[in-house]
Structures are given as C-alpha cells and as structure tokens.
C-alpha cells in the first residue's frame, strides 16, 4: 500500500539557473560588472545572438505524477543587459505560473 501511495505523490524538479530573492536584490542594489554577476548567479543560461551584452538566466519548475505527463508549473526569465562600457546593467525579471485542471 505504501508503494502505491508513494508512486502517486508528485515529483517536483527545478531546471536551469535558479536564483533567490536575495541574489536578485544584490543585483538591483549594487552596480556589478559581468564577472561579479557570474560570481553571484553563475554562467548565464544563454546570451543574445546579436550582442554579448544581453544575458538570460532561465529556470522552470516541473511537476510529474506517476505515469502522467510532465507539466511545467512555473518559469522565470531574468534578462540582464549591459551598456557598451559594461559598467552598468538593466535587470528585468518575468515569471509565469501555470495551473492545470
């Protein structure tokens, strides 16, 4: 019986560059250059095709239950754009949540 109950409980997994609110506050409250941002967040998930001055940190959360399909429950994209002198950056965060019936 315990095996049946355990197999029906959802498994939640996180993928990508996960960042905390504290890390985001550090980025917004201080002026960091590229190497300092890498120290805080790690390497970006991807960089812009057309410019090395735009970085994206992407993560998403998936939920899986037994034999049912895997569903994305939330995703977050952090976009960091540096100026040409690479001394200042603009940070934008966008998030999405999904509800499945």
PDB file of N, CA and C in Angstrom:
ATOM      1  N   UNK A   1       0.836  -1.194   0.000  1.00  0.00           N
ATOM      2  CA  UNK A   1       0.000   0.000   0.000  1.00  0.00           C
ATOM      3  C   UNK A   1       0.875   1.251   0.000  1.00  0.00           C
ATOM      4  N   UNK A   2       1.925   1.268   0.791  1.00  0.00           N
ATOM      5  CA  UNK A   2       2.802   2.437   0.812  1.00  0.00           C
ATOM      6  C   UNK A   2       3.435   2.688  -0.545  1.00  0.00           C
ATOM      7  N   UNK A   3       3.739   1.653  -1.268  1.00  0.00           N
ATOM      8  CA  UNK A   3       4.320   1.816  -2.601  1.00  0.00           C
ATOM      9  C   UNK A   3       3.334   2.505  -3.529  1.00  0.00           C
ATOM     10  N   UNK A   4       2.090   2.147  -3.468  1.00  0.00           N
ATOM     11  CA  UNK A   4       1.070   2.792  -4.298  1.00  0.00           C
ATOM     12  C   UNK A   4       0.901   4.251  -3.930  1.00  0.00           C
ATOM     13  N   UNK A   5       0.864   4.555  -2.667  1.00  0.00           N
ATOM     14  CA  UNK A   5       0.695   5.942  -2.228  1.00  0.00           C
ATOM     15  C   UNK A   5       1.898   6.778  -2.652  1.00  0.00           C
ATOM     16  N   UNK A   6       3.095   6.248  -2.456  1.00  0.00           N
ATOM     17  CA  UNK A   6       4.307   6.987  -2.814  1.00  0.00           C
ATOM     18  C   UNK A   6       4.392   7.222  -4.316  1.00  0.00           C
ATOM     19  N   UNK A   7       3.987   6.268  -5.114  1.00  0.00           N
ATOM     20  CA  UNK A   7       4.085   6.423  -6.572  1.00  0.00           C
ATOM     21  C   UNK A   7       3.100   7.455  -7.103  1.00  0.00           C
ATOM     22  N   UNK A   8       2.050   7.757  -6.349  1.00  0.00           N
ATOM     23  CA  UNK A   8       1.075   8.756  -6.788  1.00  0.00           C
ATOM     24  C   UNK A   8       1.418  10.162  -6.311  1.00  0.00           C
ATOM     25  N   UNK A   9       2.369  10.303  -5.413  1.00  0.00           N
ATOM     26  CA  UNK A   9       2.731  11.647  -4.952  1.00  0.00           C
ATOM     27  C   UNK A   9       3.539  12.339  -6.046  1.00  0.00           C
ATOM     28  N   UNK A  10       3.322  13.644  -6.223  1.00  0.00           N
ATOM     29  CA  UNK A  10       4.009  14.345  -7.306  1.00  0.00           C
ATOM     30  C   UNK A  10       5.496  14.511  -7.022  1.00  0.00           C
ATOM     31  N   UNK A  11       6.265  14.494  -8.085  1.00  0.00           N
ATOM     32  CA  UNK A  11       7.699  14.765  -8.002  1.00  0.00           C
ATOM     33  C   UNK A  11       7.924  16.121  -8.645  1.00  0.00           C
ATOM     34  N   UNK A  12       8.502  17.041  -7.902  1.00  0.00           N
ATOM     35  CA  UNK A  12       8.736  18.388  -8.392  1.00  0.00           C
ATOM     36  C   UNK A  12      10.231  18.562  -8.621  1.00  0.00           C
ATOM     37  N   UNK A  13      10.588  19.041  -9.804  1.00  0.00           N
ATOM     38  CA  UNK A  13      12.003  19.232 -10.122  1.00  0.00           C
ATOM     39  C   UNK A  13      12.230  20.629 -10.689  1.00  0.00           C
ATOM     40  N   UNK A  14      13.398  21.175 -10.413  1.00  0.00           N
ATOM     41  CA  UNK A  14      13.782  22.508 -10.890  1.00  0.00           C
ATOM     42  C   UNK A  14      14.905  22.353 -11.905  1.00  0.00           C
ATOM     43  N   UNK A  15      14.826  23.134 -12.963  1.00  0.00           N
ATOM     44  CA  UNK A  15      15.815  23.067 -14.039  1.00  0.00           C
ATOM     45  C   UNK A  15      16.288  24.467 -14.377  1.00  0.00           C
ATOM     46  N   UNK A  16      17.552  24.603 -14.693  1.00  0.00           N
ATOM     47  CA  UNK A  16      18.090  25.885 -15.133  1.00  0.00           C
ATOM     48  C   UNK A  16      18.825  26.616 -14.024  1.00  0.00           C
ATOM     49  N   UNK A  17      18.965  27.924 -14.211  1.00  0.00           N
ATOM     50  CA  UNK A  17      19.678  28.780 -13.274  1.00  0.00           C
ATOM     51  C   UNK A  17      18.717  29.337 -12.233  1.00  0.00           C
ATOM     52  N   UNK A  18      18.635  28.674 -11.104  1.00  0.00           N
ATOM     53  CA  UNK A  18      17.740  29.125 -10.032  1.00  0.00           C
ATOM     54  C   UNK A  18      18.427  30.238  -9.249  1.00  0.00           C
ATOM     55  N   UNK A  19      17.714  31.339  -9.004  1.00  0.00           N
ATOM     56  CA  UNK A  19      18.258  32.439  -8.222  1.00  0.00           C
ATOM     57  C   UNK A  19      17.246  32.845  -7.159  1.00  0.00           C
ATOM     58  N   UNK A  20      17.758  33.311  -6.035  1.00  0.00           N
ATOM     59  CA  UNK A  20      16.910  33.675  -4.897  1.00  0.00           C
ATOM     60  C   UNK A  20      16.564  35.165  -4.941  1.00  0.00           C
ATOM     61  N   UNK A  21      15.625  35.549  -4.108  1.00  0.00           N
ATOM     62  CA  UNK A  21      15.268  36.968  -3.996  1.00  0.00           C
ATOM     63  C   UNK A  21      16.444  37.778  -3.470  1.00  0.00           C
ATOM     64  N   UNK A  22      17.233  37.186  -2.576  1.00  0.00           N
ATOM     65  CA  UNK A  22      18.396  37.882  -2.030  1.00  0.00           C
ATOM     66  C   UNK A  22      19.416  38.173  -3.125  1.00  0.00           C
ATOM     67  N   UNK A  23      19.655  37.196  -3.993  1.00  0.00           N
ATOM     68  CA  UNK A  23      20.584  37.407  -5.104  1.00  0.00           C
ATOM     69  C   UNK A  23      20.068  38.482  -6.047  1.00  0.00           C
ATOM     70  N   UNK A  24      18.781  38.483  -6.298  1.00  0.00           N
ATOM     71  CA  UNK A  24      18.179  39.492  -7.165  1.00  0.00           C
ATOM     72  C   UNK A  24      18.291  40.876  -6.526  1.00  0.00           C
ATOM     73  N   UNK A  25      18.095  40.970  -5.211  1.00  0.00           N
ATOM     74  CA  UNK A  25      18.245  42.249  -4.513  1.00  0.00           C
ATOM     75  C   UNK A  25      19.682  42.754  -4.580  1.00  0.00           C
ATOM     76  N   UNK A  26      20.655  41.857  -4.480  1.00  0.00           N
ATOM     77  CA  UNK A  26      22.059  42.250  -4.608  1.00  0.00           C
ATOM     78  C   UNK A  26      22.305  42.856  -5.985  1.00  0.00           C
ATOM     79  N   UNK A  27      21.775  42.209  -7.009  1.00  0.00           N
ATOM     80  CA  UNK A  27      21.971  42.712  -8.379  1.00  0.00           C
ATOM     81  C   UNK A  27      21.332  44.079  -8.573  1.00  0.00           C
ATOM     82  N   UNK A  28      20.148  44.282  -7.987  1.00  0.00           N
ATOM     83  CA  UNK A  28      19.439  45.544  -8.183  1.00  0.00           C
ATOM     84  C   UNK A  28      20.010  46.677  -7.341  1.00  0.00           C
ATOM     85  N   UNK A  29      20.592  46.359  -6.186  1.00  0.00           N
ATOM     86  CA  UNK A  29      21.043  47.413  -5.278  1.00  0.00           C
ATOM     87  C   UNK A  29      22.497  47.825  -5.498  1.00  0.00           C
ATOM     88  N   UNK A  30      23.270  47.031  -6.203  1.00  0.00           N
ATOM     89  CA  UNK A  30      24.678  47.359  -6.443  1.00  0.00           C
ATOM     90  C   UNK A  30      24.977  47.335  -7.931  1.00  0.00           C
ATOM     91  N   UNK A  31      26.006  48.051  -8.312  1.00  0.00           N
ATOM     92  CA  UNK A  31      26.448  48.034  -9.710  1.00  0.00           C
ATOM     93  C   UNK A  31      27.541  46.987  -9.842  1.00  0.00           C
ATOM     94  N   UNK A  32      27.234  45.937 -10.551  1.00  0.00           N
ATOM     95  CA  UNK A  32      28.175  44.840 -10.734  1.00  0.00           C
ATOM     96  C   UNK A  32      28.585  44.733 -12.191  1.00  0.00           C
ATOM     97  N   UNK A  33      29.824  44.343 -12.423  1.00  0.00           N
ATOM     98  CA  UNK A  33      30.248  44.092 -13.801  1.00  0.00           C
ATOM     99  C   UNK A  33      29.959  42.630 -14.134  1.00  0.00           C
ATOM    100  N   UNK A  34      30.331  42.224 -15.334  1.00  0.00           N
ATOM    101  CA  UNK A  34      29.990  40.871 -15.797  1.00  0.00           C
ATOM    102  C   UNK A  34      30.590  39.779 -14.915  1.00  0.00           C
ATOM    103  N   UNK A  35      31.851  39.918 -14.560  1.00  0.00           N
ATOM    104  CA  UNK A  35      32.485  38.863 -13.761  1.00  0.00           C
ATOM    105  C   UNK A  35      31.874  38.769 -12.366  1.00  0.00           C
ATOM    106  N   UNK A  36      31.449  39.896 -11.801  1.00  0.00           N
ATOM    107  CA  UNK A  36      30.811  39.873 -10.477  1.00  0.00           C
ATOM    108  C   UNK A  36      29.427  39.237 -10.543  1.00  0.00           C
ATOM    109  N   UNK A  37      28.717  39.465 -11.627  1.00  0.00           N
ATOM    110  CA  UNK A  37      27.402  38.825 -11.803  1.00  0.00           C
ATOM    111  C   UNK A  37      27.577  37.317 -11.942  1.00  0.00           C
ATOM    112  N   UNK A  38      28.599  36.888 -12.639  1.00  0.00           N
ATOM    113  CA  UNK A  38      28.864  35.450 -12.758  1.00  0.00           C
ATOM    114  C   UNK A  38      29.178  34.857 -11.387  1.00  0.00           C
ATOM    115  N   UNK A  39      29.863  35.600 -10.529  1.00  0.00           N
ATOM    116  CA  UNK A  39      30.141  35.116  -9.171  1.00  0.00           C
ATOM    117  C   UNK A  39      28.858  34.925  -8.373  1.00  0.00           C
ATOM    118  N   UNK A  40      27.885  35.820  -8.571  1.00  0.00           N
ATOM    119  CA  UNK A  40      26.629  35.749  -7.822  1.00  0.00           C
ATOM    120  C   UNK A  40      25.698  34.688  -8.395  1.00  0.00           C
ATOM    121  N   UNK A  41      25.493  34.682  -9.720  1.00  0.00           N
ATOM    122  CA  UNK A  41      24.490  33.819 -10.351  1.00  0.00           C
ATOM    123  C   UNK A  41      25.062  32.633 -11.124  1.00  0.00           C
ATOM    124  N   UNK A  42      26.343  32.643 -11.428  1.00  0.00           N
ATOM    125  CA  UNK A  42      26.906  31.618 -12.289  1.00  0.00           C
ATOM    126  C   UNK A  42      26.800  32.049 -13.754  1.00  0.00           C
ATOM    127  N   UNK A  43      27.197  31.168 -14.640  1.00  0.00           N
ATOM    128  CA  UNK A  43      27.130  31.456 -16.075  1.00  0.00           C
ATOM    129  C   UNK A  43      25.670  31.605 -16.511  1.00  0.00           C
ATOM    130  N   UNK A  44      25.383  32.500 -17.454  1.00  0.00           N
ATOM    131  CA  UNK A  44      24.002  32.644 -17.935  1.00  0.00           C
ATOM    132  C   UNK A  44      23.535  31.404 -18.696  1.00  0.00           C
ATOM    133  N   UNK A  45      22.218  31.193 -18.714  1.00  0.00           N
ATOM    134  CA  UNK A  45      21.652  30.082 -19.475  1.00  0.00           C
ATOM    135  C   UNK A  45      21.945  30.255 -20.957  1.00  0.00           C
ATOM    136  N   UNK A  46      21.846  31.494 -21.423  1.00  0.00           N
ATOM    137  CA  UNK A  46      22.117  31.797 -22.821  1.00  0.00           C
ATOM    138  C   UNK A  46      22.468  33.275 -22.946  1.00  0.00           C
ATOM    139  N   UNK A  47      23.111  33.616 -24.049  1.00  0.00           N
ATOM    140  CA  UNK A  47      23.425  35.007 -24.367  1.00  0.00           C
ATOM    141  C   UNK A  47      22.725  35.352 -25.661  1.00  0.00           C
ATOM    142  N   UNK A  48      22.479  36.630 -25.859  1.00  0.00           N
ATOM    143  CA  UNK A  48      21.812  37.082 -27.072  1.00  0.00           C
ATOM    144  C   UNK A  48      22.627  36.710 -28.303  1.00  0.00           C
ATOM    145  N   UNK A  49      21.943  36.357 -29.353  1.00  0.00           N
ATOM    146  CA  UNK A  49      22.597  36.005 -30.610  1.00  0.00           C
ATOM    147  C   UNK A  49      23.289  37.208 -31.231  1.00  0.00           C
ATOM    148  N   UNK A  50      22.698  38.382 -31.063  1.00  0.00           N
ATOM    149  CA  UNK A  50      23.182  39.572 -31.745  1.00  0.00           C
ATOM    150  C   UNK A  50      24.110  40.434 -30.899  1.00  0.00           C
ATOM    151  N   UNK A  51      24.197  40.176 -29.587  1.00  0.00           N
ATOM    152  CA  UNK A  51      25.027  41.004 -28.726  1.00  0.00           C
ATOM    153  C   UNK A  51      25.482  40.202 -27.517  1.00  0.00           C
ATOM    154  N   UNK A  52      26.743  40.339 -27.177  1.00  0.00           N
ATOM    155  CA  UNK A  52      27.276  39.682 -25.994  1.00  0.00           C
ATOM    156  C   UNK A  52      26.891  40.441 -24.722  1.00  0.00           C
ATOM    157  N   UNK A  53      26.206  41.575 -24.885  1.00  0.00           N
ATOM    158  CA  UNK A  53      25.833  42.415 -23.751  1.00  0.00           C
ATOM    159  C   UNK A  53      24.450  42.106 -23.192  1.00  0.00           C
ATOM    160  N   UNK A  54      23.785  41.074 -23.681  1.00  0.00           N
ATOM    161  CA  UNK A  54      22.488  40.675 -23.144  1.00  0.00           C
ATOM    162  C   UNK A  54      22.560  39.220 -22.721  1.00  0.00           C
ATOM    163  N   UNK A  55      22.313  38.999 -21.426  1.00  0.00           N
ATOM    164  CA  UNK A  55      22.365  37.662 -20.853  1.00  0.00           C
ATOM    165  C   UNK A  55      20.992  37.256 -20.353  1.00  0.00           C
ATOM    166  N   UNK A  56      20.687  35.972 -20.420  1.00  0.00           N
ATOM    167  CA  UNK A  56      19.423  35.436 -19.916  1.00  0.00           C
ATOM    168  C   UNK A  56      19.709  34.313 -18.916  1.00  0.00           C
ATOM    169  N   UNK A  57      19.083  34.414 -17.757  1.00  0.00           N
ATOM    170  CA  UNK A  57      19.099  33.347 -16.761  1.00  0.00           C
ATOM    171  C   UNK A  57      17.691  32.779 -16.716  1.00  0.00           C
ATOM    172  N   UNK A  58      17.529  31.504 -17.047  1.00  0.00           N
ATOM    173  CA  UNK A  58      16.214  30.888 -17.199  1.00  0.00           C
ATOM    174  C   UNK A  58      16.109  29.686 -16.274  1.00  0.00           C
ATOM    175  N   UNK A  59      14.977  29.595 -15.561  1.00  0.00           N
ATOM    176  CA  UNK A  59      14.707  28.363 -14.835  1.00  0.00           C
ATOM    177  C   UNK A  59      13.225  28.056 -14.874  1.00  0.00           C
ATOM    178  N   UNK A  60      12.901  26.772 -14.739  1.00  0.00           N
ATOM    179  CA  UNK A  60      11.499  26.373 -14.708  1.00  0.00           C
ATOM    180  C   UNK A  60      11.321  25.214 -13.742  1.00  0.00           C
ATOM    181  N   UNK A  61      10.097  25.089 -13.285  1.00  0.00           N
ATOM    182  CA  UNK A  61       9.739  24.046 -12.327  1.00  0.00           C
ATOM    183  C   UNK A  61       8.759  23.109 -13.008  1.00  0.00           C
ATOM    184  N   UNK A  62       9.034  21.805 -12.890  1.00  0.00           N
ATOM    185  CA  UNK A  62       8.164  20.793 -13.488  1.00  0.00           C
ATOM    186  C   UNK A  62       7.570  19.909 -12.404  1.00  0.00           C
ATOM    187  N   UNK A  63       6.368  19.431 -12.688  1.00  0.00           N
ATOM    188  CA  UNK A  63       5.675  18.526 -11.773  1.00  0.00           C
ATOM    189  C   UNK A  63       5.330  17.257 -12.541  1.00  0.00           C
ATOM    190  N   UNK A  64       5.640  16.129 -11.922  1.00  0.00           N
ATOM    191  CA  UNK A  64       5.377  14.844 -12.562  1.00  0.00           C
ATOM    192  C   UNK A  64       4.678  13.937 -11.552  1.00  0.00           C
ATOM    193  N   UNK A  65       3.646  13.281 -12.000  1.00  0.00           N
ATOM    194  CA  UNK A  65       2.901  12.382 -11.130  1.00  0.00           C
ATOM    195  C   UNK A  65       2.789  11.020 -11.797  1.00  0.00           C
ATOM    196  N   UNK A  66       3.403  10.028 -11.162  1.00  0.00           N
ATOM    197  CA  UNK A  66       3.358   8.622 -11.591  1.00  0.00           C
ATOM    198  C   UNK A  66       3.595   8.503 -13.097  1.00  0.00           C
ATOM    199  N   UNK A  67       2.630   7.995 -13.849  1.00  0.00           N
ATOM    200  CA  UNK A  67       2.800   7.755 -15.278  1.00  0.00           C
ATOM    201  C   UNK A  67       2.225   8.867 -16.141  1.00  0.00           C
ATOM    202  N   UNK A  68       1.737   9.930 -15.514  1.00  0.00           N
ATOM    203  CA  UNK A  68       1.161  11.032 -16.279  1.00  0.00           C
ATOM    204  C   UNK A  68       2.263  11.897 -16.869  1.00  0.00           C
ATOM    205  N   UNK A  69       1.904  12.738 -17.835  1.00  0.00           N
ATOM    206  CA  UNK A  69       2.900  13.561 -18.499  1.00  0.00           C
ATOM    207  C   UNK A  69       3.494  14.606 -17.543  1.00  0.00           C
ATOM    208  N   UNK A  70       4.694  15.034 -17.849  1.00  0.00           N
ATOM    209  CA  UNK A  70       5.379  16.056 -17.074  1.00  0.00           C
ATOM    210  C   UNK A  70       4.790  17.411 -17.453  1.00  0.00           C
ATOM    211  N   UNK A  71       4.496  18.243 -16.434  1.00  0.00           N
ATOM    212  CA  UNK A  71       3.895  19.552 -16.693  1.00  0.00           C
ATOM    213  C   UNK A  71       4.769  20.651 -16.114  1.00  0.00           C
ATOM    214  N   UNK A  72       4.969  21.715 -16.892  1.00  0.00           N
ATOM    215  CA  UNK A  72       5.652  22.894 -16.372  1.00  0.00           C
ATOM    216  C   UNK A  72       4.677  23.640 -15.480  1.00  0.00           C
ATOM    217  N   UNK A  73       5.089  23.951 -14.247  1.00  0.00           N
ATOM    218  CA  UNK A  73       4.203  24.677 -13.340  1.00  0.00           C
ATOM    219  C   UNK A  73       4.585  26.141 -13.217  1.00  0.00           C
ATOM    220  N   UNK A  74       5.841  26.484 -13.484  1.00  0.00           N
ATOM    221  CA  UNK A  74       6.277  27.882 -13.418  1.00  0.00           C
ATOM    222  C   UNK A  74       7.583  28.040 -14.182  1.00  0.00           C
ATOM    223  N   UNK A  75       7.806  29.241 -14.703  1.00  0.00           N
ATOM    224  CA  UNK A  75       9.107  29.547 -15.285  1.00  0.00           C
ATOM    225  C   UNK A  75       9.454  30.999 -15.012  1.00  0.00           C
ATOM    226  N   UNK A  76      10.736  31.282 -14.960  1.00  0.00           N
ATOM    227  CA  UNK A  76      11.217  32.629 -14.687  1.00  0.00           C
ATOM    228  C   UNK A  76      12.390  32.913 -15.611  1.00  0.00           C
ATOM    229  N   UNK A  77      12.390  34.127 -16.170  1.00  0.00           N
ATOM    230  CA  UNK A  77      13.486  34.570 -17.028  1.00  0.00           C
ATOM    231  C   UNK A  77      14.021  35.875 -16.447  1.00  0.00           C
ATOM    232  N   UNK A  78      15.317  35.899 -16.221  1.00  0.00           N
ATOM    233  CA  UNK A  78      15.995  37.105 -15.769  1.00  0.00           C
ATOM    234  C   UNK A  78      16.853  37.592 -16.926  1.00  0.00           C
ATOM    235  N   UNK A  79      16.567  38.797 -17.397  1.00  0.00           N
ATOM    236  CA  UNK A  79      17.305  39.364 -18.530  1.00  0.00           C
ATOM    237  C   UNK A  79      18.208  40.473 -18.000  1.00  0.00           C
ATOM    238  N   UNK A  80      19.492  40.365 -18.297  1.00  0.00           N
ATOM    239  CA  UNK A  80      20.451  41.383 -17.877  1.00  0.00           C
ATOM    240  C   UNK A  80      21.085  41.969 -19.131  1.00  0.00           C
ATOM    241  N   UNK A  81      20.953  43.282 -19.276  1.00  0.00           N
ATOM    242  CA  UNK A  81      21.525  43.959 -20.439  1.00  0.00           C
ATOM    243  C   UNK A  81      22.572  44.965 -19.950  1.00  0.00           C
ATOM    244  N   UNK A  82      23.788  44.844 -20.479  1.00  0.00           N
ATOM    245  CA  UNK A  82      24.882  45.732 -20.103  1.00  0.00           C
ATOM    246  C   UNK A  82      24.987  46.873 -21.103  1.00  0.00           C
ATOM    247  N   UNK A  83      25.463  48.038 -20.625  1.00  0.00           N
ATOM    248  CA  UNK A  83      25.720  49.131 -21.562  1.00  0.00           C
ATOM    249  C   UNK A  83      27.025  48.834 -22.302  1.00  0.00           C
ATOM    250  N   UNK A  84      27.375  49.666 -23.259  1.00  0.00           N
ATOM    251  CA  UNK A  84      28.554  49.404 -24.089  1.00  0.00           C
ATOM    252  C   UNK A  84      29.851  49.437 -23.289  1.00  0.00           C
ATOM    253  N   UNK A  85      29.893  50.199 -22.207  1.00  0.00           N
ATOM    254  CA  UNK A  85      31.093  50.273 -21.370  1.00  0.00           C
ATOM    255  C   UNK A  85      31.125  49.141 -20.347  1.00  0.00           C
ATOM    256  N   UNK A  86      30.041  48.389 -20.257  1.00  0.00           N
ATOM    257  CA  UNK A  86      29.894  47.246 -19.361  1.00  0.00           C
ATOM    258  C   UNK A  86      30.066  47.626 -17.894  1.00  0.00           C
ATOM    259  N   UNK A  87      29.704  48.868 -17.572  1.00  0.00           N
ATOM    260  CA  UNK A  87      29.785  49.312 -16.186  1.00  0.00           C
ATOM    261  C   UNK A  87      28.417  49.431 -15.545  1.00  0.00           C
ATOM    262  N   UNK A  88      27.381  49.366 -16.324  1.00  0.00           N
ATOM    263  CA  UNK A  88      26.030  49.478 -15.793  1.00  0.00           C
ATOM    264  C   UNK A  88      25.162  48.449 -16.501  1.00  0.00           C
ATOM    265  N   UNK A  89      24.134  47.960 -15.794  1.00  0.00           N
ATOM    266  CA  UNK A  89      23.267  46.966 -16.412  1.00  0.00           C
ATOM    267  C   UNK A  89      21.817  47.221 -16.030  1.00  0.00           C
ATOM    268  N   UNK A  90      20.923  46.756 -16.886  1.00  0.00           N
ATOM    269  CA  UNK A  90      19.479  46.838 -16.656  1.00  0.00           C
ATOM    270  C   UNK A  90      19.000  45.413 -16.421  1.00  0.00           C
ATOM    271  N   UNK A  91      18.223  45.229 -15.346  1.00  0.00           N
ATOM    272  CA  UNK A  91      17.763  43.897 -14.967  1.00  0.00           C
ATOM    273  C   UNK A  91      16.247  43.844 -15.063  1.00  0.00           C
ATOM    274  N   UNK A  92      15.736  42.854 -15.782  1.00  0.00           N
ATOM    275  CA  UNK A  92      14.288  42.642 -15.905  1.00  0.00           C
ATOM    276  C   UNK A  92      13.973  41.196 -15.585  1.00  0.00           C
ATOM    277  N   UNK A  93      12.939  40.985 -14.784  1.00  0.00           N
ATOM    278  CA  UNK A  93      12.531  39.629 -14.419  1.00  0.00           C
ATOM    279  C   UNK A  93      11.101  39.421 -14.893  1.00  0.00           C
ATOM    280  N   UNK A  94      10.856  38.284 -15.510  1.00  0.00           N
ATOM    281  CA  UNK A  94       9.486  37.931 -15.893  1.00  0.00           C
ATOM    282  C   UNK A  94       9.210  36.510 -15.440  1.00  0.00           C
ATOM    283  N   UNK A  95       8.013  36.297 -14.925  1.00  0.00           N
ATOM    284  CA  UNK A  95       7.638  34.985 -14.398  1.00  0.00           C
ATOM    285  C   UNK A  95       6.266  34.583 -14.939  1.00  0.00           C
ATOM    286  N   UNK A  96       6.059  33.290 -15.008  1.00  0.00           N
ATOM    287  CA  UNK A  96       4.770  32.741 -15.419  1.00  0.00           C
ATOM    288  C   UNK A  96       4.441  31.541 -14.526  1.00  0.00           C
ATOM    289  N   UNK A  97       3.181  31.409 -14.197  1.00  0.00           N
ATOM    290  CA  UNK A  97       2.702  30.235 -13.469  1.00  0.00           C
ATOM    291  C   UNK A  97       1.616  29.571 -14.289  1.00  0.00           C
ATOM    292  N   UNK A  98       1.551  28.256 -14.204  1.00  0.00           N
ATOM    293  CA  UNK A  98       0.572  27.509 -14.972  1.00  0.00           C
ATOM    294  C   UNK A  98      -0.296  26.693 -14.020  1.00  0.00           C
ATOM    295  N   UNK A  99      -1.579  26.694 -14.277  1.00  0.00           N
ATOM    296  CA  UNK A  99      -2.491  25.857 -13.487  1.00  0.00           C
ATOM    297  C   UNK A  99      -3.136  24.867 -14.425  1.00  0.00           C
ATOM    298  N   UNK A 100      -3.074  23.601 -14.060  1.00  0.00           N
ATOM    299  CA  UNK A 100      -3.667  22.542 -14.870  1.00  0.00           C
ATOM    300  C   UNK A 100      -4.855  21.947 -14.143  1.00  0.00           C
ATOM    301  N   UNK A 101      -5.860  21.655 -14.898  1.00  0.00           N
ATOM    302  CA  UNK A 101      -7.070  21.040 -14.318  1.00  0.00           C
ATOM    303  C   UNK A 101      -7.029  19.556 -14.552  1.00  0.00           C
TER     304      UNK A 101
END
